[in-house]
Amino acid sequence: MFAVIKTGGKQYKVAKDDVIEVEKLPGAAGASVDLTEVLMLSDGGKVETGSPLLAGAKVSAEVVEQTRGDKIIVFKKRRRKNYRRKKGHRQDLTVLKITGISRG
């Protein structure tokens, strides 16, 4: 059984015991989180889709840790104008372990 969920403006295909990194969610390590924005559920050959969300469906997860992503460099330049800007960015992330999927 797997589900497609939406969190942080992105979609993830998850199954039980998967470990995923999503944009920061509130909660300390060991806390339980319910993700209610479920777009699709599949159990073998049976597929249920929402329009856009499935009513009552939820995915339960446990927060493994709060971490930060790799640094990316944002560099802007306009040629011949002596204009250069350099910035770095690290995204805050939450590592989740999927504990269950329910239809509701």
C-alpha atoms as a PDB file:
ATOM      1  CA  MET A   1       0.000   0.000   0.000  1.00  0.00           C
ATOM      2  CA  PHE A   2       1.248   3.477  -0.835  1.00  0.00           C
ATOM      3  CA  ALA A   3      -0.060   7.027  -0.796  1.00  0.00           C
ATOM      4  CA  VAL A   4       0.730  10.309  -2.510  1.00  0.00           C
ATOM      5  CA  ILE A   5       0.777  13.191  -0.030  1.00  0.00           C
ATOM      6  CA  LYS A   6       1.302  16.927  -0.337  1.00  0.00           C
ATOM      7  CA  THR A   7       3.333  18.954   2.148  1.00  0.00           C
ATOM      8  CA  GLY A   8       5.472  22.042   1.780  1.00  0.00           C
ATOM      9  CA  GLY A   9       4.193  22.633  -1.758  1.00  0.00           C
ATOM     10  CA  LYS A  10       5.626  19.322  -2.975  1.00  0.00           C
ATOM     11  CA  GLN A  11       4.200  15.843  -3.531  1.00  0.00           C
ATOM     12  CA  TYR A  12       5.712  12.634  -2.152  1.00  0.00           C
ATOM     13  CA  LYS A  13       4.947   8.969  -2.820  1.00  0.00           C
ATOM     14  CA  VAL A  14       5.190   7.175   0.534  1.00  0.00           C
ATOM     15  CA  ALA A  15       4.724   3.672   1.902  1.00  0.00           C
ATOM     16  CA  LYS A  16       4.909   2.290   5.441  1.00  0.00           C
ATOM     17  CA  ASP A  17       8.432   2.480   6.983  1.00  0.00           C
ATOM     18  CA  ASP A  18       9.706   4.983   4.361  1.00  0.00           C
ATOM     19  CA  VAL A  19      11.998   7.772   5.583  1.00  0.00           C
ATOM     20  CA  ILE A  20      11.576  11.096   3.751  1.00  0.00           C
ATOM     21  CA  GLU A  21      12.877  14.666   4.074  1.00  0.00           C
ATOM     22  CA  VAL A  22      10.213  17.383   3.848  1.00  0.00           C
ATOM     23  CA  GLU A  23      10.228  21.124   4.443  1.00  0.00           C
ATOM     24  CA  LYS A  24      10.182  22.023   8.115  1.00  0.00           C
ATOM     25  CA  LEU A  25       7.210  20.860  10.177  1.00  0.00           C
ATOM     26  CA  PRO A  26       6.686  21.735  13.853  1.00  0.00           C
ATOM     27  CA  GLY A  27       7.609  19.053  16.377  1.00  0.00           C
ATOM     28  CA  ALA A  28      10.618  17.684  18.222  1.00  0.00           C
ATOM     29  CA  ALA A  29      12.311  14.359  17.527  1.00  0.00           C
ATOM     30  CA  GLY A  30      10.025  11.480  18.481  1.00  0.00           C
ATOM     31  CA  ALA A  31       6.814  13.501  18.032  1.00  0.00           C
ATOM     32  CA  SER A  32       3.925  12.133  15.993  1.00  0.00           C
ATOM     33  CA  VAL A  33       2.609  13.994  12.930  1.00  0.00           C
ATOM     34  CA  ASP A  34      -0.556  13.372  10.895  1.00  0.00           C
ATOM     35  CA  LEU A  35      -0.450  14.392   7.230  1.00  0.00           C
ATOM     36  CA  THR A  36      -4.037  14.897   6.062  1.00  0.00           C
ATOM     37  CA  GLU A  37      -3.427  16.211   2.534  1.00  0.00           C
ATOM     38  CA  VAL A  38      -3.629  12.812   0.819  1.00  0.00           C
ATOM     39  CA  LEU A  39      -4.038  12.971  -2.963  1.00  0.00           C
ATOM     40  CA  MET A  40      -4.073   9.251  -3.804  1.00  0.00           C
ATOM     41  CA  LEU A  41      -4.141   5.837  -2.145  1.00  0.00           C
ATOM     42  CA  SER A  42      -3.223   2.536  -3.762  1.00  0.00           C
ATOM     43  CA  ASP A  43      -3.666  -0.926  -2.269  1.00  0.00           C
ATOM     44  CA  GLY A  44      -2.527  -3.540  -4.763  1.00  0.00           C
ATOM     45  CA  GLY A  45      -4.722  -3.062  -7.833  1.00  0.00           C
ATOM     46  CA  LYS A  46      -7.247  -0.768  -6.135  1.00  0.00           C
ATOM     47  CA  VAL A  47      -6.539   2.955  -6.622  1.00  0.00           C
ATOM     48  CA  GLU A  48      -8.458   5.812  -4.988  1.00  0.00           C
ATOM     49  CA  THR A  49      -7.910   9.393  -6.086  1.00  0.00           C
ATOM     50  CA  GLY A  50      -9.258  12.599  -4.633  1.00  0.00           C
ATOM     51  CA  SER A  51     -10.381  15.763  -6.311  1.00  0.00           C
ATOM     52  CA  PRO A  52      -8.022  17.125  -5.145  1.00  0.00           C
ATOM     53  CA  LEU A  53      -7.922  15.491  -1.666  1.00  0.00           C
ATOM     54  CA  LEU A  54      -9.262  12.213  -0.309  1.00  0.00           C
ATOM     55  CA  ALA A  55     -11.729  12.923   2.492  1.00  0.00           C
ATOM     56  CA  GLY A  56     -10.824  11.235   5.781  1.00  0.00           C
ATOM     57  CA  ALA A  57      -7.551   9.707   4.576  1.00  0.00           C
ATOM     58  CA  LYS A  58      -4.382  10.392   6.542  1.00  0.00           C
ATOM     59  CA  VAL A  59      -0.764   9.338   6.761  1.00  0.00           C
ATOM     60  CA  SER A  60       0.828   9.013  10.199  1.00  0.00           C
ATOM     61  CA  ALA A  61       4.508   9.753  10.627  1.00  0.00           C
ATOM     62  CA  GLU A  62       7.105  10.121  13.354  1.00  0.00           C
ATOM     63  CA  VAL A  63       9.631  12.973  13.409  1.00  0.00           C
ATOM     64  CA  VAL A  64      13.124  11.454  13.313  1.00  0.00           C
ATOM     65  CA  GLU A  65      15.055  14.739  13.419  1.00  0.00           C
ATOM     66  CA  GLN A  66      15.055  18.405  12.490  1.00  0.00           C
ATOM     67  CA  THR A  67      17.950  19.161  10.140  1.00  0.00           C
ATOM     68  CA  ARG A  68      19.130  21.513   7.400  1.00  0.00           C
ATOM     69  CA  GLY A  69      19.756  20.851   3.727  1.00  0.00           C
ATOM     70  CA  ASP A  70      22.899  21.412   1.706  1.00  0.00           C
ATOM     71  CA  LYS A  71      24.012  24.975   1.063  1.00  0.00           C
ATOM     72  CA  ILE A  72      23.124  26.445  -2.305  1.00  0.00           C
ATOM     73  CA  ILE A  73      24.744  29.546  -3.764  1.00  0.00           C
ATOM     74  CA  VAL A  74      22.586  32.287  -5.274  1.00  0.00           C
ATOM     75  CA  PHE A  75      24.785  34.419  -7.557  1.00  0.00           C
ATOM     76  CA  LYS A  76      23.518  37.355  -9.602  1.00  0.00           C
ATOM     77  CA  LYS A  77      25.604  39.244 -12.140  1.00  0.00           C
ATOM     78  CA  ARG A  78      25.013  41.832 -14.814  1.00  0.00           C
ATOM     79  CA  ARG A  79      27.834  41.921 -17.310  1.00  0.00           C
ATOM     80  CA  ARG A  80      29.771  45.133 -17.786  1.00  0.00           C
ATOM     81  CA  LYS A  81      27.826  46.880 -14.993  1.00  0.00           C
ATOM     82  CA  ASN A  82      30.017  45.950 -12.007  1.00  0.00           C
ATOM     83  CA  TYR A  83      26.972  44.316 -10.375  1.00  0.00           C
ATOM     84  CA  ARG A  84      27.574  41.110  -8.421  1.00  0.00           C
ATOM     85  CA  ARG A  85      25.599  39.653  -5.501  1.00  0.00           C
ATOM     86  CA  LYS A  86      26.395  36.387  -3.770  1.00  0.00           C
ATOM     87  CA  LYS A  87      24.128  34.777  -1.171  1.00  0.00           C
ATOM     88  CA  GLY A  88      23.940  31.350   0.389  1.00  0.00           C
ATOM     89  CA  HIS A  89      20.838  29.458   1.520  1.00  0.00           C
ATOM     90  CA  ARG A  90      20.213  26.346   3.621  1.00  0.00           C
ATOM     91  CA  GLN A  91      16.657  25.026   3.823  1.00  0.00           C
ATOM     92  CA  ASP A  92      15.294  23.811   7.169  1.00  0.00           C
ATOM     93  CA  LEU A  93      14.120  20.192   6.812  1.00  0.00           C
ATOM     94  CA  THR A  94      12.259  17.604   8.862  1.00  0.00           C
ATOM     95  CA  VAL A  95      13.081  13.911   8.516  1.00  0.00           C
ATOM     96  CA  LEU A  96       9.931  11.775   8.812  1.00  0.00           C
ATOM     97  CA  LYS A  97       9.434   8.014   9.176  1.00  0.00           C
ATOM     98  CA  ILE A  98       6.043   6.883   7.876  1.00  0.00           C
ATOM     99  CA  THR A  99       4.294   4.734  10.507  1.00  0.00           C
ATOM    100  CA  GLY A 100       0.908   4.137   8.892  1.00  0.00           C
ATOM    101  CA  ILE A 101      -1.571   4.900   6.141  1.00  0.00           C
ATOM    102  CA  SER A 102      -5.324   4.924   6.797  1.00  0.00           C
ATOM    103  CA  ARG A 103      -8.386   5.495   4.615  1.00  0.00           C
ATOM    104  CA  GLY A 104     -10.392   7.061   7.445  1.00  0.00           C
END
